[in-house]
Amino acid sequence: MSTGEVDAAAAGLPEGTVPRRVVTGHDANGVSVVVSDGIVPVHRVMPEDGAGFYEVWQTSGMPAPIVADEGDPTIGSIRVPPPVNGTKIRVNEFFPGHVGPEGRQSPVHRTESVDYGIVLEGEIVLILDDSETTLRAGDICVQRGTDHAWANRTDRVCRMAFILIDGHFEDELLTVLPGDVRDQLMTAGPHGPGARGEKN
């Protein structure tokens, strides 16, 4: 199994659909080549949320450094936000039947990033402080540093691609956010620091 992977069947969850990843690079002569082709190596199922996490790629600088070939930057623990000045792409699956009594499937969380969430298949509910919005296949959510949670309230898997870009709260916004907002950011996995309102 890959880093931290949970046996989905043992957890009573579907196996999930781990995406194929093709990574390009250059050979010693500068020729464009495929350097790897296979399923994403870091993938795991979170039984407490009924969700699958599939880490596709990440960068750690801006502009992103490009070298001929590099080690896999996703190896290691699942961290929700991208690295400082970096980006991250992951695919998530939200399995049906895991919405808690409060109507959420994920903890309420916030990251200091701009995230593009693209619904690939199924349907998901985005939960904000004041409202809920249903997103369906083909819809795109632009998440801009807000507190939010997700819930799949259907009987089908919802599959989403997330592209996360490191961001910075400007002073004007910080004047209306809680004073400890940066202490409340989700900086680790889905149940690490910054995960609030855990499901019962």
Protein backbone atom coordinates (compact mmCIF):
# COMPACT_ATOMS: atom_id res chain seq x y z
CA MET A 1 0.00 0.00 0.00
CA SER A 2 1.07 3.59 -0.55
CA THR A 3 2.04 6.00 2.20
CA GLY A 4 -0.69 5.94 4.85
CA GLU A 5 -3.12 4.07 2.62
CA VAL A 6 -6.06 2.45 4.38
CA ASP A 7 -7.61 -0.76 3.09
CA ALA A 8 -10.87 0.60 1.70
CA ALA A 9 -12.74 -2.71 1.84
CA ALA A 10 -11.78 -3.20 5.49
CA ALA A 11 -13.05 0.32 6.20
CA GLY A 12 -16.35 -0.45 4.47
CA LEU A 13 -15.63 2.01 1.65
CA PRO A 14 -15.40 1.65 -2.12
CA GLU A 15 -11.92 1.03 -3.50
CA GLY A 16 -11.90 4.46 -5.10
CA THR A 17 -10.54 5.36 -8.49
CA VAL A 18 -6.87 6.23 -8.13
CA PRO A 19 -5.93 8.47 -11.06
CA ARG A 20 -3.19 7.74 -13.58
CA ARG A 21 -0.42 10.35 -13.60
CA VAL A 22 1.91 11.01 -16.54
CA VAL A 23 4.93 13.20 -15.68
CA THR A 24 7.16 14.70 -18.37
CA GLY A 25 10.76 15.86 -18.21
CA HIS A 26 13.95 15.95 -20.25
CA ASP A 27 16.70 13.45 -20.91
CA ALA A 28 20.43 14.24 -20.80
CA ASN A 29 20.21 15.75 -24.30
CA GLY A 30 17.24 18.00 -23.54
CA VAL A 31 14.76 15.77 -25.37
CA SER A 32 11.18 15.79 -24.04
CA VAL A 33 10.39 12.44 -22.41
CA VAL A 34 7.90 10.77 -20.10
CA VAL A 35 9.71 10.23 -16.81
CA SER A 36 6.91 8.36 -15.06
CA ASP A 37 3.53 6.88 -15.95
CA GLY A 38 1.32 5.13 -13.43
CA ILE A 39 -1.17 5.61 -10.63
CA VAL A 40 -0.39 8.41 -8.20
CA PRO A 41 1.86 6.89 -5.53
CA VAL A 42 0.40 8.74 -2.54
CA HIS A 43 -3.24 7.88 -2.07
CA ARG A 44 -5.32 6.97 0.92
CA VAL A 45 -8.85 6.58 2.14
CA MET A 46 -10.04 8.47 5.22
CA PRO A 47 -12.69 6.23 6.80
CA GLU A 48 -13.81 8.89 9.29
CA ASP A 49 -14.82 11.16 6.39
CA GLY A 50 -15.68 8.61 3.72
CA ALA A 51 -13.19 10.30 1.40
CA GLY A 52 -10.28 9.33 -0.81
CA PHE A 53 -7.21 11.57 -1.21
CA TYR A 54 -5.01 11.19 -4.31
CA GLU A 55 -1.97 13.48 -4.31
CA VAL A 56 -1.02 14.23 -7.93
CA TRP A 57 1.80 16.82 -7.78
CA GLN A 58 3.04 19.90 -5.99
CA THR A 59 5.56 22.70 -6.49
CA SER A 60 7.51 24.52 -3.81
CA GLY A 61 8.40 27.88 -5.30
CA MET A 62 7.18 30.71 -7.51
CA PRO A 63 8.05 30.65 -10.30
CA ALA A 64 8.00 26.87 -10.07
CA PRO A 65 11.48 25.40 -10.53
CA ILE A 66 11.71 23.11 -13.56
CA VAL A 67 14.55 20.59 -13.71
CA ALA A 68 15.21 17.73 -16.13
CA ASP A 69 13.93 15.10 -13.71
CA GLU A 70 13.08 15.34 -10.04
CA GLY A 71 12.02 13.07 -7.26
CA ASP A 72 8.32 12.76 -6.54
CA PRO A 73 7.35 15.90 -4.55
CA THR A 74 4.18 14.29 -3.18
CA ILE A 75 5.93 11.60 -1.13
CA GLY A 76 5.25 12.15 2.55
CA SER A 77 2.24 12.91 4.67
CA ILE A 78 -0.93 14.41 3.23
CA ARG A 79 -0.88 18.13 3.93
CA VAL A 80 -3.98 20.05 2.89
CA PRO A 81 -2.53 23.43 1.80
CA PRO A 82 0.25 23.81 -0.76
CA PRO A 83 3.83 24.63 0.30
CA VAL A 84 4.77 28.27 0.88
CA ASN A 85 4.84 29.97 -2.55
CA GLY A 86 3.80 26.66 -4.05
CA THR A 87 0.95 24.81 -5.70
CA LYS A 88 -0.71 21.45 -5.26
CA ILE A 89 -3.07 19.32 -7.31
CA ARG A 90 -5.04 16.46 -5.83
CA VAL A 91 -8.13 14.45 -6.66
CA ASN A 92 -10.66 13.75 -3.91
CA GLU A 93 -13.53 11.30 -3.88
CA PHE A 94 -16.39 11.86 -1.46
CA PHE A 95 -18.18 8.54 -0.94
CA PRO A 96 -21.92 8.50 -0.18
CA GLY A 97 -23.34 7.66 3.23
CA HIS A 98 -20.86 9.60 5.40
CA VAL A 99 -22.68 12.84 6.24
CA GLY A 100 -22.81 13.44 9.98
CA PRO A 101 -25.79 14.71 11.99
CA GLU A 102 -24.61 18.30 11.49
CA GLY A 103 -24.96 17.83 7.71
CA ARG A 104 -21.23 17.79 6.91
CA GLN A 105 -18.85 15.16 5.58
CA SER A 106 -15.59 17.03 6.20
CA PRO A 107 -14.52 19.14 9.16
CA VAL A 108 -14.92 22.90 8.81
CA HIS A 109 -11.54 24.25 7.71
CA ARG A 110 -9.72 27.18 6.15
CA THR A 111 -6.40 27.49 4.32
CA GLU A 112 -4.54 30.64 3.27
CA SER A 113 -4.75 29.72 -0.38
CA VAL A 114 -6.78 30.11 -3.55
CA ASP A 115 -8.25 26.73 -4.51
CA TYR A 116 -9.93 25.75 -7.76
CA GLY A 117 -12.29 22.84 -7.10
CA ILE A 118 -13.54 21.17 -10.29
CA VAL A 119 -16.38 18.65 -10.01
CA LEU A 120 -15.48 15.78 -12.34
CA GLU A 121 -18.47 13.58 -11.54
CA GLY A 122 -21.34 13.46 -9.09
CA GLU A 123 -22.63 16.21 -6.83
CA ILE A 124 -21.31 17.93 -3.70
CA VAL A 125 -22.59 20.58 -1.30
CA LEU A 126 -20.23 23.43 -0.38
CA ILE A 127 -21.01 24.62 3.16
CA LEU A 128 -20.04 28.17 4.16
CA ASP A 129 -20.76 30.24 7.28
CA ASP A 130 -23.99 31.67 5.89
CA SER A 131 -25.11 29.35 3.11
CA GLU A 132 -24.86 26.12 1.14
CA THR A 133 -24.33 25.74 -2.60
CA THR A 134 -24.71 22.54 -4.63
CA LEU A 135 -22.08 21.86 -7.29
CA ARG A 136 -22.47 19.28 -10.07
CA ALA A 137 -20.23 17.72 -12.71
CA GLY A 138 -18.62 20.50 -14.76
CA ASP A 139 -19.02 23.16 -12.04
CA ILE A 140 -15.97 24.93 -10.60
CA CYS A 141 -15.65 26.43 -7.12
CA VAL A 142 -13.07 29.18 -6.58
CA GLN A 143 -12.33 28.91 -2.85
CA ARG A 144 -10.64 32.06 -1.54
CA GLY A 145 -9.45 31.44 2.00
CA THR A 146 -12.92 30.97 3.51
CA ASP A 147 -14.08 28.63 6.26
CA HIS A 148 -15.88 25.79 4.52
CA ALA A 149 -16.86 22.12 4.59
CA TRP A 150 -18.10 19.54 2.06
CA ALA A 151 -20.97 17.04 2.02
CA ASN A 152 -21.97 14.41 -0.53
CA ARG A 153 -25.67 13.95 0.23
CA THR A 154 -26.35 11.68 -2.78
CA ASP A 155 -26.07 7.92 -3.28
CA ARG A 156 -23.18 8.25 -5.79
CA VAL A 157 -19.48 9.01 -5.46
CA CYS A 158 -18.51 12.64 -6.04
CA ARG A 159 -15.07 13.07 -7.63
CA MET A 160 -13.30 16.45 -7.61
CA ALA A 161 -9.95 17.82 -8.76
CA PHE A 162 -8.45 20.55 -6.56
CA ILE A 163 -5.70 22.91 -7.69
CA LEU A 164 -4.38 24.87 -4.68
CA ILE A 165 -2.20 27.97 -4.89
CA ASP A 166 -0.47 29.44 -1.85
CA GLY A 167 -2.00 32.77 -0.89
CA HIS A 168 -1.73 35.63 1.59
CA PHE A 169 -4.51 37.34 3.55
CA GLU A 170 -4.25 41.07 2.88
CA ASP A 171 -4.41 43.48 5.85
CA GLU A 172 -7.83 44.80 4.82
CA LEU A 173 -9.34 41.32 5.05
CA LEU A 174 -7.51 40.53 8.29
CA THR A 175 -9.33 43.44 9.98
CA VAL A 176 -12.66 41.56 9.63
CA LEU A 177 -11.44 38.00 10.21
CA PRO A 178 -10.97 36.53 13.70
CA GLY A 179 -7.78 37.78 15.35
CA ASP A 180 -6.41 34.23 15.60
CA VAL A 181 -7.34 33.25 12.01
CA ARG A 182 -3.81 32.12 11.15
CA ASP A 183 -3.72 29.95 14.29
CA GLN A 184 -6.91 28.24 13.07
CA LEU A 185 -5.68 27.37 9.56
CA MET A 186 -5.63 23.74 8.49
CA THR A 187 -1.92 23.08 8.00
CA ALA A 188 -1.76 19.29 8.17
CA GLY A 189 -4.09 16.48 7.13
CA PRO A 190 -7.88 16.61 7.26
CA HIS A 191 -7.89 15.97 11.01
CA GLY A 192 -4.76 17.87 11.94
CA PRO A 193 -4.44 21.46 13.20
CA GLY A 194 -7.18 23.74 11.94
CA ALA A 195 -9.87 21.05 11.58
CA ARG A 196 -12.85 22.42 13.48
CA GLY A 197 -16.23 21.04 14.34
CA GLU A 198 -15.25 17.39 14.02
CA LYS A 199 -18.13 15.08 13.27
CA ASN A 200 -19.61 13.18 16.18
